[in-house]
C-alpha atoms as a PDB file:
ATOM      1  CA  MET A   1     -65.427  82.369   3.466  1.00  0.00           C
ATOM      2  CA  GLU A   2     -68.980  82.724   2.963  1.00  0.00           C
ATOM      3  CA  PRO A   3     -71.120  82.540   5.977  1.00  0.00           C
ATOM      4  CA  MET A   4     -73.816  80.006   6.083  1.00  0.00           C
ATOM      5  CA  ILE A   5     -77.216  81.146   7.277  1.00  0.00           C
ATOM      6  CA  LEU A   6     -79.644  79.493   9.681  1.00  0.00           C
ATOM      7  CA  GLN A   7     -83.135  80.361  10.781  1.00  0.00           C
ATOM      8  CA  ALA A   8     -84.690  79.574  14.091  1.00  0.00           C
ATOM      9  CA  ALA A   9     -87.888  78.244  14.106  1.00  0.00           C
ATOM     10  CA  ALA A  10     -90.660  78.279  16.457  1.00  0.00           C
ATOM     11  CA  GLU A  11     -89.992  74.753  17.898  1.00  0.00           C
ATOM     12  CA  ASP A  12     -86.007  75.729  18.473  1.00  0.00           C
ATOM     13  CA  ALA A  13     -87.657  78.414  20.746  1.00  0.00           C
ATOM     14  CA  GLY A  14     -86.231  78.306  24.478  1.00  0.00           C
ATOM     15  CA  GLN A  15     -83.100  76.454  23.233  1.00  0.00           C
ATOM     16  CA  ARG A  16     -79.562  77.656  24.097  1.00  0.00           C
ATOM     17  CA  LEU A  17     -77.904  78.848  20.649  1.00  0.00           C
ATOM     18  CA  ASP A  18     -75.030  76.645  21.179  1.00  0.00           C
ATOM     19  CA  SER A  19     -77.174  73.582  21.337  1.00  0.00           C
ATOM     20  CA  PHE A  20     -78.689  74.437  18.566  1.00  0.00           C
ATOM     21  CA  LEU A  21     -75.592  75.179  16.033  1.00  0.00           C
ATOM     22  CA  ALA A  22     -74.416  71.668  17.418  1.00  0.00           C
ATOM     23  CA  VAL A  23     -77.460  70.278  16.318  1.00  0.00           C
ATOM     24  CA  HIS A  24     -77.581  72.708  12.631  1.00  0.00           C
ATOM     25  CA  LEU A  25     -73.723  72.294  11.992  1.00  0.00           C
ATOM     26  CA  ASP A  26     -72.884  68.797  10.982  1.00  0.00           C
ATOM     27  CA  GLY A  27     -69.765  66.983  12.598  1.00  0.00           C
ATOM     28  CA  PHE A  28     -69.690  69.990  15.513  1.00  0.00           C
ATOM     29  CA  SER A  29     -70.216  68.989  19.196  1.00  0.00           C
ATOM     30  CA  ARG A  30     -71.608  71.750  21.710  1.00  0.00           C
ATOM     31  CA  SER A  31     -68.293  72.341  22.883  1.00  0.00           C
ATOM     32  CA  ALA A  32     -67.048  73.188  19.210  1.00  0.00           C
ATOM     33  CA  ALA A  33     -70.118  75.263  18.508  1.00  0.00           C
ATOM     34  CA  ALA A  34     -69.204  77.089  22.157  1.00  0.00           C
ATOM     35  CA  ARG A  35     -65.655  77.745  20.555  1.00  0.00           C
ATOM     36  CA  LEU A  36     -67.192  79.345  17.189  1.00  0.00           C
ATOM     37  CA  LEU A  37     -69.203  81.788  19.680  1.00  0.00           C
ATOM     38  CA  GLU A  38     -66.247  82.360  21.169  1.00  0.00           C
ATOM     39  CA  GLU A  39     -64.112  83.640  18.334  1.00  0.00           C
ATOM     40  CA  GLY A  40     -66.804  85.932  16.822  1.00  0.00           C
ATOM     41  CA  CYS A  41     -67.763  83.412  14.334  1.00  0.00           C
ATOM     42  CA  VAL A  42     -71.539  83.358  14.640  1.00  0.00           C
ATOM     43  CA  LEU A  43     -73.882  86.419  14.316  1.00  0.00           C
ATOM     44  CA  CYS A  44     -77.476  86.283  15.409  1.00  0.00           C
ATOM     45  CA  ASP A  45     -79.468  88.926  13.662  1.00  0.00           C
ATOM     46  CA  GLY A  46     -76.413  90.825  12.832  1.00  0.00           C
ATOM     47  CA  ARG A  47     -75.263  90.593  16.345  1.00  0.00           C
ATOM     48  CA  VAL A  48     -72.389  88.966  18.166  1.00  0.00           C
ATOM     49  CA  PRO A  49     -74.522  86.727  21.051  1.00  0.00           C
ATOM     50  CA  GLY A  50     -73.344  84.726  24.196  1.00  0.00           C
ATOM     51  CA  LYS A  51     -73.075  81.267  24.115  1.00  0.00           C
ATOM     52  CA  SER A  52     -75.782  80.879  26.269  1.00  0.00           C
ATOM     53  CA  LEU A  53     -78.321  82.754  24.642  1.00  0.00           C
ATOM     54  CA  ARG A  54     -81.640  81.265  24.290  1.00  0.00           C
ATOM     55  CA  LEU A  55     -83.661  81.141  21.040  1.00  0.00           C
ATOM     56  CA  THR A  56     -87.024  82.833  20.418  1.00  0.00           C
ATOM     57  CA  GLY A  57     -87.564  81.336  17.711  1.00  0.00           C
ATOM     58  CA  ALA A  58     -87.153  83.408  14.796  1.00  0.00           C
ATOM     59  CA  GLU A  59     -83.626  84.681  14.781  1.00  0.00           C
ATOM     60  CA  GLU A  60     -81.549  84.461  11.616  1.00  0.00           C
ATOM     61  CA  ILE A  61     -78.119  83.153  12.439  1.00  0.00           C
ATOM     62  CA  SER A  62     -74.837  83.720  10.458  1.00  0.00           C
ATOM     63  CA  VAL A  63     -71.928  81.280  11.042  1.00  0.00           C
ATOM     64  CA  THR A  64     -68.723  82.118   9.125  1.00  0.00           C
ATOM     65  CA  LEU A  65     -66.501  78.899   9.916  1.00  0.00           C
ATOM     66  CA  PRO A  66     -62.677  79.383  10.436  1.00  0.00           C
ATOM     67  CA  GLN A  67     -60.016  78.503   7.814  1.00  0.00           C
ATOM     68  CA  PRO A  68     -59.735  74.760   7.266  1.00  0.00           C
ATOM     69  CA  GLU A  69     -55.691  73.960   8.936  1.00  0.00           C
ATOM     70  CA  ASP A  70     -53.191  72.308   6.974  1.00  0.00           C
ATOM     71  CA  THR A  71     -53.793  68.759   6.739  1.00  0.00           C
ATOM     72  CA  GLU A  72     -51.016  66.267   7.810  1.00  0.00           C
ATOM     73  CA  LEU A  73     -53.110  63.239   6.322  1.00  0.00           C
ATOM     74  CA  ILE A  74     -51.063  61.004   3.788  1.00  0.00           C
ATOM     75  CA  PRO A  75     -53.397  59.468   0.727  1.00  0.00           C
ATOM     76  CA  GLN A  76     -53.330  56.170   0.505  1.00  0.00           C
ATOM     77  CA  ASP A  77     -54.447  54.143  -2.872  1.00  0.00           C
ATOM     78  CA  ILE A  78     -57.431  52.205  -1.364  1.00  0.00           C
ATOM     79  CA  PRO A  79     -59.928  51.282  -3.882  1.00  0.00           C
ATOM     80  CA  LEU A  80     -62.962  53.144  -3.957  1.00  0.00           C
ATOM     81  CA  ASP A  81     -66.521  52.306  -4.964  1.00  0.00           C
ATOM     82  CA  VAL A  82     -67.643  55.467  -6.978  1.00  0.00           C
ATOM     83  CA  VAL A  83     -70.983  56.217  -7.698  1.00  0.00           C
ATOM     84  CA  TYR A  84     -71.148  59.771  -8.512  1.00  0.00           C
ATOM     85  CA  GLU A  85     -68.624  62.322  -9.001  1.00  0.00           C
ATOM     86  CA  ASP A  86     -68.438  65.585 -10.438  1.00  0.00           C
ATOM     87  CA  ALA A  87     -66.295  68.741  -9.812  1.00  0.00           C
ATOM     88  CA  ASP A  88     -67.997  69.275  -6.630  1.00  0.00           C
ATOM     89  CA  VAL A  89     -68.814  66.225  -5.525  1.00  0.00           C
ATOM     90  CA  ILE A  90     -67.890  62.362  -4.724  1.00  0.00           C
ATOM     91  CA  VAL A  91     -70.746  59.596  -3.574  1.00  0.00           C
ATOM     92  CA  ILE A  92     -68.802  56.422  -2.652  1.00  0.00           C
ATOM     93  CA  ASN A  93     -70.057  52.969  -1.958  1.00  0.00           C
ATOM     94  CA  LYS A  94     -68.563  52.470   1.328  1.00  0.00           C
ATOM     95  CA  PRO A  95     -67.772  48.817   2.421  1.00  0.00           C
ATOM     96  CA  THR A  96     -68.177  47.214   5.639  1.00  0.00           C
ATOM     97  CA  GLY A  97     -65.272  47.601   7.797  1.00  0.00           C
ATOM     98  CA  LEU A  98     -63.841  50.991   6.026  1.00  0.00           C
ATOM     99  CA  VAL A  99     -63.189  53.895   8.756  1.00  0.00           C
ATOM    100  CA  VAL A 100     -64.517  57.804   7.709  1.00  0.00           C
ATOM    101  CA  HIS A 101     -61.842  59.790   8.959  1.00  0.00           C
ATOM    102  CA  PRO A 102     -58.984  59.087  11.046  1.00  0.00           C
ATOM    103  CA  ALA A 103     -59.939  58.878  14.906  1.00  0.00           C
ATOM    104  CA  PRO A 104     -57.855  57.215  17.738  1.00  0.00           C
ATOM    105  CA  GLY A 105     -57.009  53.457  17.106  1.00  0.00           C
ATOM    106  CA  HIS A 106     -57.689  54.318  13.292  1.00  0.00           C
ATOM    107  CA  PRO A 107     -54.857  56.601  12.710  1.00  0.00           C
ATOM    108  CA  ASP A 108     -54.591  56.105   8.421  1.00  0.00           C
ATOM    109  CA  GLY A 109     -55.994  53.537   5.599  1.00  0.00           C
ATOM    110  CA  THR A 110     -59.862  55.279   6.283  1.00  0.00           C
ATOM    111  CA  LEU A 111     -61.954  57.138   3.673  1.00  0.00           C
ATOM    112  CA  VAL A 112     -60.463  60.189   3.939  1.00  0.00           C
ATOM    113  CA  ASN A 113     -57.140  58.970   3.123  1.00  0.00           C
ATOM    114  CA  ALA A 114     -58.269  57.338  -0.133  1.00  0.00           C
ATOM    115  CA  LEU A 115     -60.116  60.295  -1.106  1.00  0.00           C
ATOM    116  CA  LEU A 116     -57.007  62.076  -0.280  1.00  0.00           C
ATOM    117  CA  TYR A 117     -55.367  60.019  -3.328  1.00  0.00           C
ATOM    118  CA  HIS A 118     -58.335  59.976  -5.573  1.00  0.00           C
ATOM    119  CA  CYS A 119     -58.899  63.583  -5.448  1.00  0.00           C
ATOM    120  CA  GLY A 120     -55.381  65.204  -4.826  1.00  0.00           C
ATOM    121  CA  ASP A 121     -56.304  68.673  -3.550  1.00  0.00           C
ATOM    122  CA  SER A 122     -59.815  69.047  -4.550  1.00  0.00           C
ATOM    123  CA  LEU A 123     -61.646  68.702  -1.389  1.00  0.00           C
ATOM    124  CA  SER A 124     -62.857  71.095   1.215  1.00  0.00           C
ATOM    125  CA  GLY A 125     -61.457  71.832   3.898  1.00  0.00           C
ATOM    126  CA  ILE A 126     -64.519  72.944   6.217  1.00  0.00           C
ATOM    127  CA  GLY A 127     -64.344  69.165   7.460  1.00  0.00           C
ATOM    128  CA  GLY A 128     -61.164  70.430   9.582  1.00  0.00           C
ATOM    129  CA  GLU A 129     -57.771  68.886   9.359  1.00  0.00           C
ATOM    130  CA  LYS A 130     -58.707  65.030   9.914  1.00  0.00           C
ATOM    131  CA  ARG A 131     -61.989  65.204   8.002  1.00  0.00           C
ATOM    132  CA  PRO A 132     -61.270  66.979   4.576  1.00  0.00           C
ATOM    133  CA  GLY A 133     -64.630  66.582   2.550  1.00  0.00           C
ATOM    134  CA  ILE A 134     -66.563  65.200   4.672  1.00  0.00           C
ATOM    135  CA  VAL A 135     -70.055  66.249   5.004  1.00  0.00           C
ATOM    136  CA  HIS A 136     -71.734  63.554   6.728  1.00  0.00           C
ATOM    137  CA  ARG A 137     -70.976  60.146   8.753  1.00  0.00           C
ATOM    138  CA  ILE A 138     -71.699  56.308   8.351  1.00  0.00           C
ATOM    139  CA  ASP A 139     -70.343  53.881  11.192  1.00  0.00           C
ATOM    140  CA  ARG A 140     -67.458  51.692  10.343  1.00  0.00           C
ATOM    141  CA  ASP A 141     -69.547  48.761  10.511  1.00  0.00           C
ATOM    142  CA  THR A 142     -72.134  50.102   7.744  1.00  0.00           C
ATOM    143  CA  SER A 143     -72.159  49.847   4.626  1.00  0.00           C
ATOM    144  CA  GLY A 144     -73.248  52.298   1.637  1.00  0.00           C
ATOM    145  CA  LEU A 145     -73.669  55.793   0.096  1.00  0.00           C
ATOM    146  CA  ILE A 146     -71.868  58.687   1.614  1.00  0.00           C
ATOM    147  CA  ILE A 147     -70.836  61.915   0.228  1.00  0.00           C
ATOM    148  CA  ALA A 148     -67.988  64.113   0.188  1.00  0.00           C
ATOM    149  CA  ALA A 149     -67.376  67.789  -0.999  1.00  0.00           C
ATOM    150  CA  LYS A 150     -64.843  68.571  -3.661  1.00  0.00           C
ATOM    151  CA  ASN A 151     -64.786  72.532  -2.381  1.00  0.00           C
ATOM    152  CA  ASP A 152     -66.047  75.099   0.455  1.00  0.00           C
ATOM    153  CA  ARG A 153     -69.052  76.297  -1.654  1.00  0.00           C
ATOM    154  CA  ALA A 154     -70.347  72.558  -2.456  1.00  0.00           C
ATOM    155  CA  HIS A 155     -69.756  71.518   1.647  1.00  0.00           C
ATOM    156  CA  GLN A 156     -71.374  74.563   2.763  1.00  0.00           C
ATOM    157  CA  ALA A 157     -74.621  74.046   0.463  1.00  0.00           C
ATOM    158  CA  LEU A 158     -74.664  70.164   1.169  1.00  0.00           C
ATOM    159  CA  ALA A 159     -74.315  70.921   5.332  1.00  0.00           C
ATOM    160  CA  ALA A 160     -77.301  73.175   4.876  1.00  0.00           C
ATOM    161  CA  GLN A 161     -79.355  70.687   3.308  1.00  0.00           C
ATOM    162  CA  LEU A 162     -78.629  68.210   6.062  1.00  0.00           C
ATOM    163  CA  ALA A 163     -79.830  70.466   8.419  1.00  0.00           C
ATOM    164  CA  ASP A 164     -83.040  71.443   6.289  1.00  0.00           C
ATOM    165  CA  HIS A 165     -83.577  67.418   5.742  1.00  0.00           C
ATOM    166  CA  THR A 166     -83.448  68.547   1.934  1.00  0.00           C
ATOM    167  CA  LEU A 167     -80.443  65.877   2.169  1.00  0.00           C
ATOM    168  CA  ALA A 168     -82.178  62.451   2.272  1.00  0.00           C
ATOM    169  CA  ARG A 169     -80.810  59.016   3.223  1.00  0.00           C
ATOM    170  CA  THR A 170     -82.488  56.174   3.001  1.00  0.00           C
ATOM    171  CA  TYR A 171     -81.008  52.641   4.401  1.00  0.00           C
ATOM    172  CA  GLU A 172     -81.746  49.042   4.782  1.00  0.00           C
ATOM    173  CA  CYS A 173     -81.315  46.736   7.122  1.00  0.00           C
ATOM    174  CA  LEU A 174     -82.490  43.364   9.147  1.00  0.00           C
ATOM    175  CA  VAL A 175     -83.655  43.483  12.169  1.00  0.00           C
ATOM    176  CA  THR A 176     -84.421  40.510  15.063  1.00  0.00           C
ATOM    177  CA  GLY A 177     -87.931  39.558  15.493  1.00  0.00           C
ATOM    178  CA  ASN A 178     -91.076  40.535  13.943  1.00  0.00           C
ATOM    179  CA  LEU A 179     -92.235  44.254  14.316  1.00  0.00           C
ATOM    180  CA  ARG A 180     -95.744  43.958  14.650  1.00  0.00           C
ATOM    181  CA  GLU A 181     -96.725  47.269  12.130  1.00  0.00           C
ATOM    182  CA  GLU A 182     -95.968  47.751   8.855  1.00  0.00           C
ATOM    183  CA  GLY A 183     -94.201  51.264   9.243  1.00  0.00           C
ATOM    184  CA  GLY A 184     -93.541  54.108  11.630  1.00  0.00           C
ATOM    185  CA  THR A 185     -91.944  56.786  13.194  1.00  0.00           C
ATOM    186  CA  VAL A 186     -89.422  56.752  15.922  1.00  0.00           C
ATOM    187  CA  ASP A 187     -89.168  60.475  17.341  1.00  0.00           C
ATOM    188  CA  ALA A 188     -86.855  59.334  20.635  1.00  0.00           C
ATOM    189  CA  PRO A 189     -83.710  62.193  21.364  1.00  0.00           C
ATOM    190  CA  ILE A 190     -80.485  60.160  21.531  1.00  0.00           C
ATOM    191  CA  GLY A 191     -77.248  61.163  23.393  1.00  0.00           C
ATOM    192  CA  ARG A 192     -74.026  59.334  25.070  1.00  0.00           C
ATOM    193  CA  HIS A 193     -75.591  56.560  27.089  1.00  0.00           C
ATOM    194  CA  PRO A 194     -75.471  57.257  31.177  1.00  0.00           C
ATOM    195  CA  THR A 195     -72.965  54.861  31.922  1.00  0.00           C
ATOM    196  CA  ASP A 196     -71.332  53.196  28.669  1.00  0.00           C
ATOM    197  CA  ARG A 197     -69.754  56.458  27.406  1.00  0.00           C
ATOM    198  CA  LYS A 198     -68.254  54.214  24.222  1.00  0.00           C
ATOM    199  CA  LYS A 199     -72.316  53.795  23.458  1.00  0.00           C
ATOM    200  CA  MET A 200     -75.250  55.893  22.394  1.00  0.00           C
ATOM    201  CA  ALA A 201     -79.006  55.846  24.151  1.00  0.00           C
ATOM    202  CA  VAL A 202     -82.602  57.399  24.041  1.00  0.00           C
ATOM    203  CA  THR A 203     -82.360  59.775  26.506  1.00  0.00           C
ATOM    204  CA  GLU A 204     -83.829  63.097  27.481  1.00  0.00           C
ATOM    205  CA  LYS A 205     -80.083  64.179  29.131  1.00  0.00           C
ATOM    206  CA  ASN A 206     -77.824  65.926  26.754  1.00  0.00           C
ATOM    207  CA  SER A 207     -79.329  64.486  23.566  1.00  0.00           C
ATOM    208  CA  ARG A 208     -80.771  66.087  20.404  1.00  0.00           C
ATOM    209  CA  ARG A 209     -83.665  65.339  18.818  1.00  0.00           C
ATOM    210  CA  ALA A 210     -83.464  62.312  16.590  1.00  0.00           C
ATOM    211  CA  VAL A 211     -86.515  60.998  14.096  1.00  0.00           C
ATOM    212  CA  THR A 212     -85.959  57.415  11.912  1.00  0.00           C
ATOM    213  CA  HIS A 213     -89.161  56.705   9.614  1.00  0.00           C
ATOM    214  CA  TRP A 214     -89.266  52.982   8.756  1.00  0.00           C
ATOM    215  CA  GLU A 215     -91.233  50.138   6.897  1.00  0.00           C
ATOM    216  CA  VAL A 216     -91.369  46.867   6.398  1.00  0.00           C
ATOM    217  CA  ILE A 217     -90.077  45.512   2.914  1.00  0.00           C
ATOM    218  CA  ALA A 218     -90.087  41.660   3.915  1.00  0.00           C
ATOM    219  CA  ARG A 219     -90.790  39.518   6.970  1.00  0.00           C
ATOM    220  CA  TYR A 220     -88.998  36.104   7.548  1.00  0.00           C
ATOM    221  CA  PRO A 221     -89.199  33.676  10.551  1.00  0.00           C
ATOM    222  CA  GLY A 222     -87.105  35.345  13.385  1.00  0.00           C
ATOM    223  CA  VAL A 223     -86.052  38.305  11.142  1.00  0.00           C
ATOM    224  CA  THR A 224     -87.683  41.623   9.494  1.00  0.00           C
ATOM    225  CA  HIS A 225     -86.560  43.515   6.289  1.00  0.00           C
ATOM    226  CA  VAL A 226     -86.927  47.120   6.860  1.00  0.00           C
ATOM    227  CA  ARG A 227     -86.241  50.541   5.288  1.00  0.00           C
ATOM    228  CA  CYS A 228     -85.721  53.362   7.273  1.00  0.00           C
ATOM    229  CA  ARG A 229     -85.347  57.085   6.152  1.00  0.00           C
ATOM    230  CA  LEU A 230     -83.386  59.361   8.327  1.00  0.00           C
ATOM    231  CA  GLU A 231     -85.186  62.810   9.289  1.00  0.00           C
ATOM    232  CA  THR A 232     -82.212  63.500  11.304  1.00  0.00           C
ATOM    233  CA  GLY A 233     -78.655  62.233  11.618  1.00  0.00           C
ATOM    234  CA  ARG A 234     -77.217  61.323  14.966  1.00  0.00           C
ATOM    235  CA  THR A 235     -74.615  59.095  16.052  1.00  0.00           C
ATOM    236  CA  HIS A 236     -75.550  55.863  15.768  1.00  0.00           C
ATOM    237  CA  GLN A 237     -78.921  57.095  15.156  1.00  0.00           C
ATOM    238  CA  ILE A 238     -80.998  53.552  13.243  1.00  0.00           C
ATOM    239  CA  ARG A 239     -78.828  51.202  15.723  1.00  0.00           C
ATOM    240  CA  VAL A 240     -80.219  53.052  18.710  1.00  0.00           C
ATOM    241  CA  HIS A 241     -83.899  53.730  17.461  1.00  0.00           C
ATOM    242  CA  MET A 242     -84.465  50.170  16.160  1.00  0.00           C
ATOM    243  CA  ALA A 243     -83.082  48.984  19.348  1.00  0.00           C
ATOM    244  CA  TYR A 244     -84.991  50.895  21.048  1.00  0.00           C
ATOM    245  CA  LEU A 245     -88.040  49.411  19.870  1.00  0.00           C
ATOM    246  CA  GLY A 246     -86.934  45.710  21.037  1.00  0.00           C
ATOM    247  CA  HIS A 247     -85.707  45.109  17.654  1.00  0.00           C
ATOM    248  CA  PRO A 248     -81.934  45.615  16.933  1.00  0.00           C
ATOM    249  CA  ILE A 249     -80.189  44.923  13.925  1.00  0.00           C
ATOM    250  CA  LEU A 250     -78.928  41.969  13.314  1.00  0.00           C
ATOM    251  CA  GLY A 251     -75.158  41.123  13.737  1.00  0.00           C
ATOM    252  CA  ASP A 252     -74.880  44.617  15.919  1.00  0.00           C
ATOM    253  CA  THR A 253     -73.025  43.014  18.665  1.00  0.00           C
ATOM    254  CA  VAL A 254     -72.921  46.885  20.660  1.00  0.00           C
ATOM    255  CA  TYR A 255     -77.207  47.531  20.580  1.00  0.00           C
ATOM    256  CA  GLY A 256     -78.042  43.644  20.194  1.00  0.00           C
ATOM    257  CA  ALA A 257     -76.963  40.294  20.757  1.00  0.00           C
ATOM    258  CA  LYS A 258     -73.254  40.463  21.665  1.00  0.00           C
ATOM    259  CA  LYS A 259     -72.372  36.891  19.746  1.00  0.00           C
ATOM    260  CA  ALA A 260     -71.753  37.094  16.440  1.00  0.00           C
ATOM    261  CA  VAL A 261     -74.328  36.076  14.011  1.00  0.00           C
ATOM    262  CA  PRO A 262     -72.855  32.703  11.511  1.00  0.00           C
ATOM    263  CA  GLY A 263     -72.313  33.869   7.981  1.00  0.00           C
ATOM    264  CA  LEU A 264     -72.401  37.530   8.944  1.00  0.00           C
ATOM    265  CA  THR A 265     -68.996  39.895   9.341  1.00  0.00           C
ATOM    266  CA  GLY A 266     -70.816  42.880  10.731  1.00  0.00           C
ATOM    267  CA  GLN A 267     -74.267  44.456  11.067  1.00  0.00           C
ATOM    268  CA  CYS A 268     -76.866  43.984   8.473  1.00  0.00           C
ATOM    269  CA  LEU A 269     -77.066  47.878   7.853  1.00  0.00           C
ATOM    270  CA  HIS A 270     -76.253  49.529   4.287  1.00  0.00           C
ATOM    271  CA  ALA A 271     -77.328  53.445   2.972  1.00  0.00           C
ATOM    272  CA  VAL A 272     -79.190  52.332  -0.091  1.00  0.00           C
ATOM    273  CA  GLY A 273     -80.271  55.287  -1.015  1.00  0.00           C
ATOM    274  CA  LEU A 274     -79.161  59.189  -1.539  1.00  0.00           C
ATOM    275  CA  ARG A 275     -80.742  62.049  -2.430  1.00  0.00           C
ATOM    276  CA  PHE A 276     -79.581  65.729  -2.889  1.00  0.00           C
ATOM    277  CA  LEU A 277     -80.008  69.289  -4.328  1.00  0.00           C
ATOM    278  CA  HIS A 278     -76.525  69.363  -7.013  1.00  0.00           C
ATOM    279  CA  PRO A 279     -74.436  72.285  -5.122  1.00  0.00           C
ATOM    280  CA  SER A 280     -74.351  74.154  -8.586  1.00  0.00           C
ATOM    281  CA  THR A 281     -77.042  73.243 -10.315  1.00  0.00           C
ATOM    282  CA  GLY A 282     -79.882  73.018  -7.873  1.00  0.00           C
ATOM    283  CA  GLU A 283     -80.885  69.923  -9.668  1.00  0.00           C
ATOM    284  CA  ALA A 284     -82.221  67.327  -7.861  1.00  0.00           C
ATOM    285  CA  VAL A 285     -79.556  63.872  -7.982  1.00  0.00           C
ATOM    286  CA  GLU A 286     -80.731  60.745  -6.752  1.00  0.00           C
ATOM    287  CA  LEU A 287     -78.340  57.592  -6.369  1.00  0.00           C
ATOM    288  CA  SER A 288     -78.511  54.164  -5.370  1.00  0.00           C
ATOM    289  CA  CYS A 289     -76.462  51.391  -4.754  1.00  0.00           C
ATOM    290  CA  PRO A 290     -76.977  47.577  -4.458  1.00  0.00           C
ATOM    291  CA  LEU A 291     -76.800  45.240  -1.071  1.00  0.00           C
ATOM    292  CA  PRO A 292     -73.402  44.038  -0.352  1.00  0.00           C
ATOM    293  CA  GLU A 293     -72.930  40.072  -1.587  1.00  0.00           C
ATOM    294  CA  GLU A 294     -72.845  39.404   2.385  1.00  0.00           C
ATOM    295  CA  PHE A 295     -76.654  40.733   2.836  1.00  0.00           C
ATOM    296  CA  GLN A 296     -77.954  39.638  -0.157  1.00  0.00           C
ATOM    297  CA  ALA A 297     -76.670  35.942   0.639  1.00  0.00           C
ATOM    298  CA  TYR A 298     -78.510  36.423   4.000  1.00  0.00           C
ATOM    299  CA  LEU A 299     -81.798  37.256   2.525  1.00  0.00           C
ATOM    300  CA  ARG A 300     -81.126  33.953  -0.009  1.00  0.00           C
ATOM    301  CA  LYS A 301     -80.796  32.088   2.929  1.00  0.00           C
ATOM    302  CA  LEU A 302     -84.301  33.278   4.809  1.00  0.00           C
ATOM    303  CA  GLU A 303     -85.846  33.261   1.760  1.00  0.00           C
ATOM    304  CA  ASN A 304     -85.334  29.540   1.661  1.00  0.00           C
ATOM    305  CA  LYS A 305     -85.582  28.828   5.269  1.00  0.00           C
ATOM    306  CA  SER A 306     -89.684  30.555   4.342  1.00  0.00           C
END
C-alpha cells in the first residue's frame, strides 16, 4: 500500500508525533496512532521515530496504514439516497437516526451494512474491519452528506484532503436564542468531557484544535438559522461549539435542553454541502442536498409565527 505523506507545519512545533497523527489521520485515536508507531508504520524524515518524539514543525511524515482485516459485517438491504457515485467514491444523503458504522449497541442496521449491500466488494478497507469505506463520520442524529471511498487509493486521497481542509463540509442548523453577530469563528479545542465520558467539551486537557466558521441565514423569535463550515472535524464539533457560544442546536438533548422539541424527532443539524477534489481526475466536485422535510416543516412553522 502506498504511504500517505503528511507535512508538519510551524504551528505543529512542540507537539508529540502520536498526537499529530491522531489529529491528521481520520478515525485514529492517539492510542491507535501510537500503535502505528510501535508497528513501524511511520517514518519521520525517513527514519523510524519514537512515539514521544516532539516535532520541530518541518518534518515530512510518511504513514503506511496496515492491510485491512477481513470484515464479518453482513450486507443489509437498507435504502440509500445516493447523491453521487462512480468507481472511486459514493456520496450518501444520510437520514437522521442511521448510525454510520457498527459500535456497541448498534451491531448492524448501519450505513456500513447498507454500503456493503449496495457496493459489494467495492469499498476501501483502510477504515478497518468495522468501517470499510468510511472516510469521515456524522452523528446518528445528524442528517446529510457523507462520502465513502470505494478503493484504498481514493480513501488515502480523501483522507489527505480532510487533513489539509481541501475536503469542505457545510452544515445548516437551527440554534436556540438569538446570536448577536451576523457571523464569526469558534476556535476552541475539543476533548472528552471531564466528568461525562459520553460527551465532548471545549477543554484544554487532552484535546484537539477545533475550528468552526458560522454565519446567520435567518432570525426568528427565540431561534436562529445558521450555516456552519467545518475547518476541522472533531466529534460533535458543531454541537459542542454552538453550545459553547450559549446557543445549542435545537432538539439536541445532549448539549442543550433535555426535553424534546415538539414537532422534532431529533436535532436540527444537516450536512447540506460537500466539496472535494476527485481522487482520480483532480477536478472539484461540489454537491448539495435539501434540508430534510422535518427541518423544512419547522422552518415554515417559524416563518408563519414571525
